[in-house]
Amino acid sequence: MTSYIVDEVTLELNNSAFKEKIRYELRKEFCEVYSKNEHFYQEHFARLNKIIEDKDTEIKKLLNIVEILSKKVNSN
């Protein structure tokens, strides 16, 4: 059962749709907050991209943790 859960988590984290959903939600929130001031929006668009990159990094870290857990589960 644990192995199944680890496999499912790995699939979800690797799923590009999952990553794109995070990007979409971040952009949506960003646009809602800053849409009233276009200059401010453009000025901070790079910041938004950095947030997205950070989320990708977090996902990669989670994948590494899942891989370690998977190896431990499979070795037992």
N, C-alpha and C. Protein backbone atom coordinates (compact mmCIF):
# COMPACT_ATOMS: atom_id res chain seq x y z
N MET A 1 0.83 -1.20 0.00
CA MET A 1 0.00 0.00 0.00
C MET A 1 0.87 1.26 0.00
N THR A 2 1.89 1.26 0.85
CA THR A 2 2.79 2.43 0.91
C THR A 2 3.46 2.63 -0.44
N SER A 3 3.88 1.54 -1.06
CA SER A 3 4.52 1.62 -2.36
C SER A 3 3.58 2.24 -3.38
N TYR A 4 2.31 1.87 -3.33
CA TYR A 4 1.31 2.43 -4.24
C TYR A 4 1.18 3.94 -4.04
N ILE A 5 1.14 4.37 -2.79
CA ILE A 5 1.01 5.80 -2.48
C ILE A 5 2.23 6.56 -2.99
N VAL A 6 3.41 6.01 -2.77
CA VAL A 6 4.64 6.64 -3.25
C VAL A 6 4.60 6.75 -4.77
N ASP A 7 4.17 5.71 -5.45
CA ASP A 7 4.06 5.74 -6.91
C ASP A 7 3.08 6.81 -7.37
N GLU A 8 1.96 6.92 -6.69
CA GLU A 8 0.95 7.92 -7.06
C GLU A 8 1.46 9.34 -6.85
N VAL A 9 2.14 9.55 -5.74
CA VAL A 9 2.71 10.87 -5.46
C VAL A 9 3.75 11.22 -6.51
N THR A 10 4.58 10.27 -6.85
CA THR A 10 5.61 10.49 -7.88
C THR A 10 4.97 10.85 -9.21
N LEU A 11 3.95 10.12 -9.60
CA LEU A 11 3.26 10.42 -10.86
C LEU A 11 2.66 11.82 -10.84
N GLU A 12 2.04 12.18 -9.73
CA GLU A 12 1.40 13.49 -9.64
C GLU A 12 2.44 14.61 -9.69
N LEU A 13 3.54 14.44 -9.00
CA LEU A 13 4.57 15.48 -8.99
C LEU A 13 5.26 15.59 -10.34
N ASN A 14 5.38 14.48 -11.06
CA ASN A 14 6.00 14.50 -12.38
C ASN A 14 5.04 14.99 -13.47
N ASN A 15 3.77 15.00 -13.14
CA ASN A 15 2.74 15.35 -14.10
C ASN A 15 2.89 16.81 -14.51
N SER A 16 3.11 17.04 -15.78
CA SER A 16 3.29 18.42 -16.25
C SER A 16 2.00 19.23 -16.07
N ALA A 17 0.85 18.57 -16.09
CA ALA A 17 -0.40 19.29 -15.86
C ALA A 17 -0.44 19.83 -14.43
N PHE A 18 0.10 19.07 -13.50
CA PHE A 18 0.17 19.51 -12.10
C PHE A 18 1.05 20.76 -12.00
N LYS A 19 2.20 20.73 -12.65
CA LYS A 19 3.10 21.88 -12.64
C LYS A 19 2.44 23.08 -13.32
N GLU A 20 1.77 22.82 -14.43
CA GLU A 20 1.12 23.90 -15.15
C GLU A 20 -0.02 24.50 -14.32
N LYS A 21 -0.70 23.66 -13.55
CA LYS A 21 -1.77 24.17 -12.69
C LYS A 21 -1.20 25.14 -11.65
N ILE A 22 -0.04 24.80 -11.08
CA ILE A 22 0.61 25.70 -10.13
C ILE A 22 0.94 27.02 -10.82
N ARG A 23 1.50 26.92 -12.01
CA ARG A 23 1.84 28.14 -12.77
C ARG A 23 0.59 28.97 -13.05
N TYR A 24 -0.47 28.29 -13.48
CA TYR A 24 -1.71 28.98 -13.80
C TYR A 24 -2.26 29.70 -12.58
N GLU A 25 -2.31 29.00 -11.45
CA GLU A 25 -2.84 29.60 -10.22
C GLU A 25 -2.01 30.81 -9.79
N LEU A 26 -0.70 30.70 -9.89
CA LEU A 26 0.16 31.82 -9.52
C LEU A 26 -0.07 33.01 -10.45
N ARG A 27 -0.14 32.74 -11.74
CA ARG A 27 -0.36 33.84 -12.70
C ARG A 27 -1.73 34.47 -12.49
N LYS A 28 -2.73 33.65 -12.26
CA LYS A 28 -4.08 34.15 -12.05
C LYS A 28 -4.12 35.08 -10.84
N GLU A 29 -3.55 34.60 -9.74
CA GLU A 29 -3.51 35.41 -8.52
C GLU A 29 -2.74 36.70 -8.75
N PHE A 30 -1.61 36.59 -9.42
CA PHE A 30 -0.78 37.75 -9.71
C PHE A 30 -1.55 38.75 -10.57
N CYS A 31 -2.21 38.27 -11.58
CA CYS A 31 -2.95 39.16 -12.48
C CYS A 31 -4.10 39.85 -11.77
N GLU A 32 -4.79 39.11 -10.92
CA GLU A 32 -5.91 39.71 -10.17
C GLU A 32 -5.42 40.83 -9.27
N VAL A 33 -4.29 40.60 -8.64
CA VAL A 33 -3.76 41.59 -7.69
C VAL A 33 -3.24 42.82 -8.42
N TYR A 34 -2.52 42.61 -9.51
CA TYR A 34 -1.81 43.71 -10.14
C TYR A 34 -2.45 44.26 -11.42
N SER A 35 -3.57 43.69 -11.83
CA SER A 35 -4.16 44.10 -13.11
C SER A 35 -4.59 45.56 -13.14
N LYS A 36 -4.84 46.14 -11.99
CA LYS A 36 -5.30 47.53 -11.95
C LYS A 36 -4.17 48.51 -12.24
N ASN A 37 -2.95 48.03 -12.19
CA ASN A 37 -1.81 48.91 -12.44
C ASN A 37 -0.85 48.19 -13.38
N GLU A 38 -1.02 48.44 -14.68
CA GLU A 38 -0.26 47.69 -15.69
C GLU A 38 1.24 47.90 -15.56
N HIS A 39 1.66 49.12 -15.27
CA HIS A 39 3.10 49.38 -15.11
C HIS A 39 3.66 48.53 -13.97
N PHE A 40 2.94 48.48 -12.87
CA PHE A 40 3.37 47.68 -11.72
C PHE A 40 3.41 46.21 -12.11
N TYR A 41 2.41 45.77 -12.86
CA TYR A 41 2.35 44.38 -13.33
C TYR A 41 3.59 44.03 -14.15
N GLN A 42 3.90 44.87 -15.13
CA GLN A 42 5.06 44.60 -16.00
C GLN A 42 6.35 44.61 -15.20
N GLU A 43 6.43 45.54 -14.27
CA GLU A 43 7.63 45.66 -13.45
C GLU A 43 7.87 44.41 -12.61
N HIS A 44 6.80 43.75 -12.21
CA HIS A 44 6.92 42.61 -11.31
C HIS A 44 6.71 41.26 -11.99
N PHE A 45 6.60 41.26 -13.32
CA PHE A 45 6.41 40.00 -14.03
C PHE A 45 7.61 39.07 -13.84
N ALA A 46 8.81 39.64 -13.80
CA ALA A 46 10.01 38.83 -13.56
C ALA A 46 9.93 38.16 -12.19
N ARG A 47 9.37 38.87 -11.23
CA ARG A 47 9.21 38.30 -9.88
C ARG A 47 8.28 37.09 -9.93
N LEU A 48 7.22 37.19 -10.71
CA LEU A 48 6.30 36.08 -10.86
C LEU A 48 7.02 34.86 -11.45
N ASN A 49 7.82 35.07 -12.46
CA ASN A 49 8.56 33.96 -13.07
C ASN A 49 9.51 33.32 -12.07
N LYS A 50 10.11 34.14 -11.20
CA LYS A 50 11.00 33.61 -10.17
C LYS A 50 10.21 32.73 -9.19
N ILE A 51 9.01 33.16 -8.83
CA ILE A 51 8.15 32.37 -7.94
C ILE A 51 7.85 31.02 -8.59
N ILE A 52 7.55 31.04 -9.87
CA ILE A 52 7.25 29.79 -10.60
C ILE A 52 8.48 28.88 -10.61
N GLU A 53 9.65 29.45 -10.85
CA GLU A 53 10.88 28.64 -10.82
C GLU A 53 11.09 28.04 -9.43
N ASP A 54 10.82 28.82 -8.40
CA ASP A 54 10.96 28.32 -7.03
C ASP A 54 10.01 27.16 -6.78
N LYS A 55 8.80 27.25 -7.29
CA LYS A 55 7.83 26.16 -7.14
C LYS A 55 8.32 24.91 -7.86
N ASP A 56 8.90 25.09 -9.04
CA ASP A 56 9.47 23.95 -9.76
C ASP A 56 10.59 23.30 -8.94
N THR A 57 11.40 24.14 -8.29
CA THR A 57 12.48 23.63 -7.44
C THR A 57 11.90 22.85 -6.27
N GLU A 58 10.82 23.38 -5.68
CA GLU A 58 10.17 22.67 -4.57
C GLU A 58 9.65 21.31 -5.02
N ILE A 59 9.08 21.27 -6.21
CA ILE A 59 8.57 20.01 -6.76
C ILE A 59 9.72 19.02 -6.95
N LYS A 60 10.84 19.50 -7.46
CA LYS A 60 12.01 18.62 -7.65
C LYS A 60 12.50 18.08 -6.31
N LYS A 61 12.50 18.92 -5.28
CA LYS A 61 12.91 18.47 -3.95
C LYS A 61 11.95 17.40 -3.44
N LEU A 62 10.65 17.62 -3.65
CA LEU A 62 9.66 16.62 -3.24
C LEU A 62 9.87 15.31 -3.98
N LEU A 63 10.19 15.39 -5.25
CA LEU A 63 10.45 14.18 -6.03
C LEU A 63 11.65 13.42 -5.48
N ASN A 64 12.67 14.14 -5.08
CA ASN A 64 13.84 13.49 -4.48
C ASN A 64 13.47 12.78 -3.18
N ILE A 65 12.65 13.44 -2.37
CA ILE A 65 12.21 12.83 -1.11
C ILE A 65 11.39 11.58 -1.39
N VAL A 66 10.49 11.67 -2.36
CA VAL A 66 9.65 10.53 -2.72
C VAL A 66 10.51 9.38 -3.23
N GLU A 67 11.54 9.70 -4.00
CA GLU A 67 12.43 8.66 -4.52
C GLU A 67 13.15 7.94 -3.37
N ILE A 68 13.63 8.71 -2.41
CA ILE A 68 14.30 8.12 -1.24
C ILE A 68 13.33 7.23 -0.47
N LEU A 69 12.11 7.74 -0.25
CA LEU A 69 11.10 6.94 0.45
C LEU A 69 10.77 5.66 -0.31
N SER A 70 10.68 5.80 -1.62
CA SER A 70 10.37 4.65 -2.46
C SER A 70 11.44 3.57 -2.32
N LYS A 71 12.70 3.98 -2.33
CA LYS A 71 13.80 3.03 -2.18
C LYS A 71 13.75 2.34 -0.82
N LYS A 72 13.42 3.11 0.21
CA LYS A 72 13.33 2.53 1.56
C LYS A 72 12.17 1.53 1.64
N VAL A 73 11.04 1.91 1.03
CA VAL A 73 9.86 1.04 1.05
C VAL A 73 10.17 -0.24 0.28
N ASN A 74 10.78 -0.10 -0.87
CA ASN A 74 11.07 -1.27 -1.71
C ASN A 74 12.16 -2.17 -1.13
N SER A 75 13.03 -1.60 -0.30
CA SER A 75 14.09 -2.42 0.29
C SER A 75 13.59 -3.23 1.49
N ASN A 76 12.45 -2.84 2.02
CA ASN A 76 11.89 -3.57 3.18
C ASN A 76 10.97 -4.64 2.75
